[in-house]
Protein backbone atom coordinates (compact mmCIF):
# COMPACT_ATOMS: atom_id res chain seq x y z
CA MET A 1 -0.25 9.42 -7.55
CA ILE A 2 -3.55 9.32 -5.21
CA ALA A 3 -3.12 8.65 -1.87
CA TYR A 4 -5.82 9.94 -0.28
CA LEU A 5 -9.90 10.90 -1.26
CA LYS A 6 -12.14 12.72 0.41
CA GLY A 7 -15.82 13.54 -0.96
CA LYS A 8 -19.39 11.99 -0.99
CA ILE A 9 -20.35 8.77 -2.21
CA TRP A 10 -22.15 8.76 -5.30
CA GLN A 11 -22.43 5.36 -5.58
CA LYS A 12 -21.20 1.48 -3.89
CA THR A 13 -21.78 -1.82 -4.40
CA PRO A 14 -19.52 -4.77 -2.49
CA GLY A 15 -16.28 -4.50 -3.75
CA GLU A 16 -15.85 -0.90 -5.02
CA VAL A 17 -17.20 2.78 -4.47
CA ILE A 18 -17.67 5.83 -6.60
CA VAL A 19 -15.98 8.91 -4.84
CA GLU A 20 -17.44 12.29 -6.12
CA THR A 21 -15.29 15.03 -5.44
CA GLY A 22 -14.81 18.39 -7.16
CA GLY A 23 -17.44 16.95 -9.86
CA VAL A 24 -15.31 13.79 -10.53
CA GLY A 25 -16.35 10.55 -10.00
CA TYR A 26 -13.23 8.34 -8.63
CA ASN A 27 -13.98 4.42 -9.04
CA VAL A 28 -12.07 2.82 -5.94
CA LEU A 29 -12.02 -0.74 -5.73
CA ILE A 30 -12.74 -1.68 -1.58
CA PRO A 31 -12.79 -4.51 0.62
CA LEU A 32 -15.98 -5.80 2.07
CA SER A 33 -14.57 -4.62 5.86
CA THR A 34 -14.29 -0.96 4.34
CA TYR A 35 -17.37 -1.56 2.62
CA PHE A 36 -19.65 -2.27 5.58
CA LYS A 37 -18.03 1.06 7.53
CA LEU A 38 -19.37 3.25 4.59
CA GLY A 39 -22.64 5.47 4.70
CA GLU A 40 -25.04 5.64 1.86
CA PRO A 41 -24.86 7.29 -1.68
CA GLY A 42 -24.58 11.46 -0.67
CA THR A 43 -22.81 10.61 2.76
CA PRO A 44 -19.24 12.30 2.99
CA ILE A 45 -16.46 9.90 2.80
CA GLU A 46 -12.57 9.75 3.47
CA LEU A 47 -10.76 6.74 2.05
CA HIS A 48 -6.56 5.98 2.38
CA VAL A 49 -5.96 5.10 -1.60
CA TYR A 50 -3.42 3.20 -3.19
CA THR A 51 -3.04 4.00 -7.02
CA HIS A 52 -1.79 0.75 -8.99
CA LEU A 53 -0.72 2.03 -12.56
CA THR A 54 0.22 -1.19 -15.26
CA GLU A 55 0.56 -0.75 -18.73
CA ASN A 56 -3.18 -1.29 -19.46
CA ALA A 57 -4.98 0.32 -16.41
CA LEU A 58 -4.81 2.58 -13.53
CA GLN A 59 -6.82 1.43 -10.54
CA LEU A 60 -7.41 2.88 -7.11
CA PHE A 61 -7.54 0.92 -3.88
CA GLY A 62 -9.32 2.31 -1.11
CA PHE A 63 -9.43 1.67 2.40
CA TYR A 64 -11.20 2.98 5.42
CA SER A 65 -8.13 2.90 7.89
CA ALA A 66 -4.63 3.51 7.39
CA GLU A 67 -3.69 0.24 8.98
CA GLU A 68 -5.87 -1.68 6.53
CA LYS A 69 -3.92 0.08 3.90
CA ASN A 70 -0.48 -0.58 5.59
CA LEU A 71 -1.62 -4.45 5.58
CA PHE A 72 -2.81 -4.33 2.13
CA LEU A 73 0.84 -2.78 1.07
CA LYS A 74 2.79 -5.64 3.29
CA LEU A 75 0.34 -8.44 1.33
CA ILE A 76 1.52 -6.92 -2.40
CA ASN A 77 4.55 -7.42 -1.65
CA ILE A 78 4.58 -10.81 -1.20
CA SER A 79 5.38 -12.99 -4.37
CA GLY A 80 2.51 -14.03 -6.29
CA ILE A 81 0.02 -11.83 -4.28
CA GLY A 82 -1.20 -8.83 -6.55
CA PRO A 83 -3.64 -6.08 -5.71
CA LYS A 84 -6.97 -8.26 -6.22
CA LEU A 85 -6.09 -11.14 -4.27
CA ALA A 86 -4.93 -8.96 -1.51
CA LEU A 87 -7.99 -7.03 -1.60
CA ASN A 88 -9.74 -10.60 -1.64
CA ILE A 89 -7.54 -11.03 1.72
CA LEU A 90 -8.85 -8.42 3.41
CA SER A 91 -12.40 -9.06 2.31
CA GLY A 92 -12.10 -12.55 4.23
CA ILE A 93 -10.35 -11.59 7.34
CA GLU A 94 -9.90 -8.26 9.55
CA PRO A 95 -6.66 -6.91 10.18
CA LYS A 96 -6.20 -8.21 13.74
CA GLU A 97 -7.42 -11.68 12.77
CA LEU A 98 -4.87 -11.97 10.08
CA GLU A 99 -2.25 -10.69 12.25
CA GLU A 100 -3.29 -13.16 15.03
CA ALA A 101 -3.66 -15.92 12.46
CA VAL A 102 0.14 -15.38 11.11
CA ALA A 103 1.13 -15.22 14.82
CA THR A 104 -0.59 -18.30 15.74
CA THR A 105 0.47 -20.27 12.10
CA ASN A 106 -3.33 -20.66 12.02
CA VAL A 107 -3.07 -22.08 8.16
CA SER A 108 -6.43 -23.37 8.39
CA ARG A 109 -7.89 -19.87 9.32
CA LEU A 110 -6.04 -18.45 6.20
CA ALA A 111 -7.09 -21.25 3.62
CA LEU A 112 -10.80 -20.50 4.65
CA ILE A 113 -10.15 -17.14 2.32
CA PRO A 114 -11.50 -17.65 -0.92
CA GLY A 115 -8.65 -17.77 -3.50
CA ILE A 116 -6.32 -19.00 -0.84
CA GLY A 117 -5.12 -22.53 -0.56
CA LYS A 118 -2.77 -24.30 2.00
CA LYS A 119 0.26 -23.32 0.16
CA THR A 120 -0.34 -19.67 -0.39
CA ALA A 121 -1.81 -19.48 3.24
CA LEU A 122 2.01 -20.92 4.47
CA ARG A 123 3.83 -18.33 2.01
CA LEU A 124 1.46 -15.62 3.70
CA ILE A 125 2.43 -16.63 7.30
CA MET A 126 6.26 -17.08 6.39
CA GLU A 127 6.67 -13.85 4.88
CA LEU A 128 4.30 -11.72 6.94
CA ALA A 129 5.27 -12.90 10.40
CA ASP A 130 8.81 -11.28 10.00
CA ARG A 131 7.16 -7.92 8.95
CA LEU A 132 4.75 -7.86 11.64
CA GLU A 133 7.21 -9.19 14.30
CA LYS A 134 9.31 -5.89 13.45
CA LYS A 135 6.03 -3.49 13.95
CA GLU A 136 5.59 -5.47 17.41
CA LYS A 137 9.20 -4.83 18.29
CA VAL A 138 8.83 -1.01 17.74
CA LEU A 139 5.59 -1.08 19.49
CA SER A 140 6.97 -2.78 22.25
CA ARG A 141 10.01 -0.74 22.43
CA ARG A 142 7.53 2.61 22.25
CA GLU A 143 5.37 1.12 24.94
CA ASN A 144 8.18 0.40 27.24
CA LYS A 145 9.74 4.02 26.79
CA GLU A 146 6.25 5.72 27.78
CA ARG A 147 6.37 3.28 30.76
CA GLU A 148 9.71 4.12 32.19
CA ASP A 149 8.89 8.05 31.37
CA LEU A 150 5.94 7.64 33.55
CA VAL A 151 7.27 5.41 36.27
CA SER A 152 10.19 8.31 36.39
CA ALA A 153 7.63 11.15 36.33
CA LEU A 154 6.06 9.78 39.48
CA VAL A 155 9.65 8.83 41.47
CA ASN A 156 10.37 12.56 40.72
CA LEU A 157 6.79 13.40 42.41
CA GLY A 158 7.98 11.69 45.53
CA PHE A 159 6.14 8.64 44.91
CA LYS A 160 7.88 5.07 46.02
CA ARG A 161 8.80 3.03 42.85
CA LYS A 162 7.11 -0.07 43.34
CA GLU A 163 3.91 1.62 43.84
CA SER A 164 4.68 3.72 40.88
CA GLU A 165 5.31 0.68 38.81
CA ARG A 166 2.15 -0.97 39.71
CA VAL A 167 -0.03 2.14 39.21
CA VAL A 168 1.75 2.60 35.34
CA ASP A 169 1.24 -0.93 34.36
CA LEU A 170 -2.65 -0.62 35.20
CA THR A 171 -3.13 2.52 33.72
CA ILE A 172 -1.35 1.60 30.56
CA SER A 173 -3.67 -1.72 30.58
CA SER A 174 -6.58 0.24 30.80
CA PHE A 175 -5.78 3.38 28.29
CA GLY A 176 -3.05 1.80 26.17
CA PRO A 177 0.23 3.48 25.48
CA GLN A 178 -1.42 5.31 22.51
CA ALA A 179 -3.54 7.75 24.89
CA GLY A 180 -0.10 9.54 25.26
CA PHE A 181 1.97 10.77 28.04
CA ASP A 182 -0.21 13.53 29.57
CA LEU A 183 -3.81 11.41 29.87
CA LEU A 184 -1.90 8.51 31.22
CA LEU A 185 0.04 10.69 33.64
CA ARG A 186 -2.96 12.23 35.09
CA GLU A 187 -4.57 9.08 35.37
CA CYS A 188 -1.78 7.78 37.24
CA LEU A 189 -1.85 10.48 39.57
CA LYS A 190 -5.50 9.79 40.20
CA LYS A 191 -4.85 6.62 41.38
CA MET A 192 -1.98 7.55 43.60
CA SER A 193 -3.62 9.69 45.37
CA ARG A 194 -6.22 7.12 46.27
CA VAL A 195 -3.36 5.17 47.55
């Protein structure tokens, strides 16, 4: 199964790209969001790929980011949504906007996507809400652990807990928890030295 492709763009059109790698051209179906991020023919390309095998065909679906691919995988696990419809959904709405529409139960926004009616939009919201909620809980747990580790490090260095918590919250909101412990601690220490 092909999960990743790296090569050069041989040809691209909205909806698909041909990736030339090792003298072989792979036809990859892509959402419009990926199409707009790709360069012109001849430029290097890296795609996260989902291989879809049926009795009649082998199709490759490519995505610019792992986030898009993961959302695609969640979509095709919803009954009644196949790979082409999932690709259509990702062409009609950005991943962040889709997550927001699901979180706020915005049926009318999802119904604007071609091929999605109100019933399908409702099913999308019901089925995706559960999966996205689990992701949020994992991220929130990771964020809280990072926060506690940073506060603990500052307190161990002799700073007051309340002040440490305030500086850590400011730093995490500026850089995000994905910045990593070392960078966040350095930034916290810079802020603490100014206090």
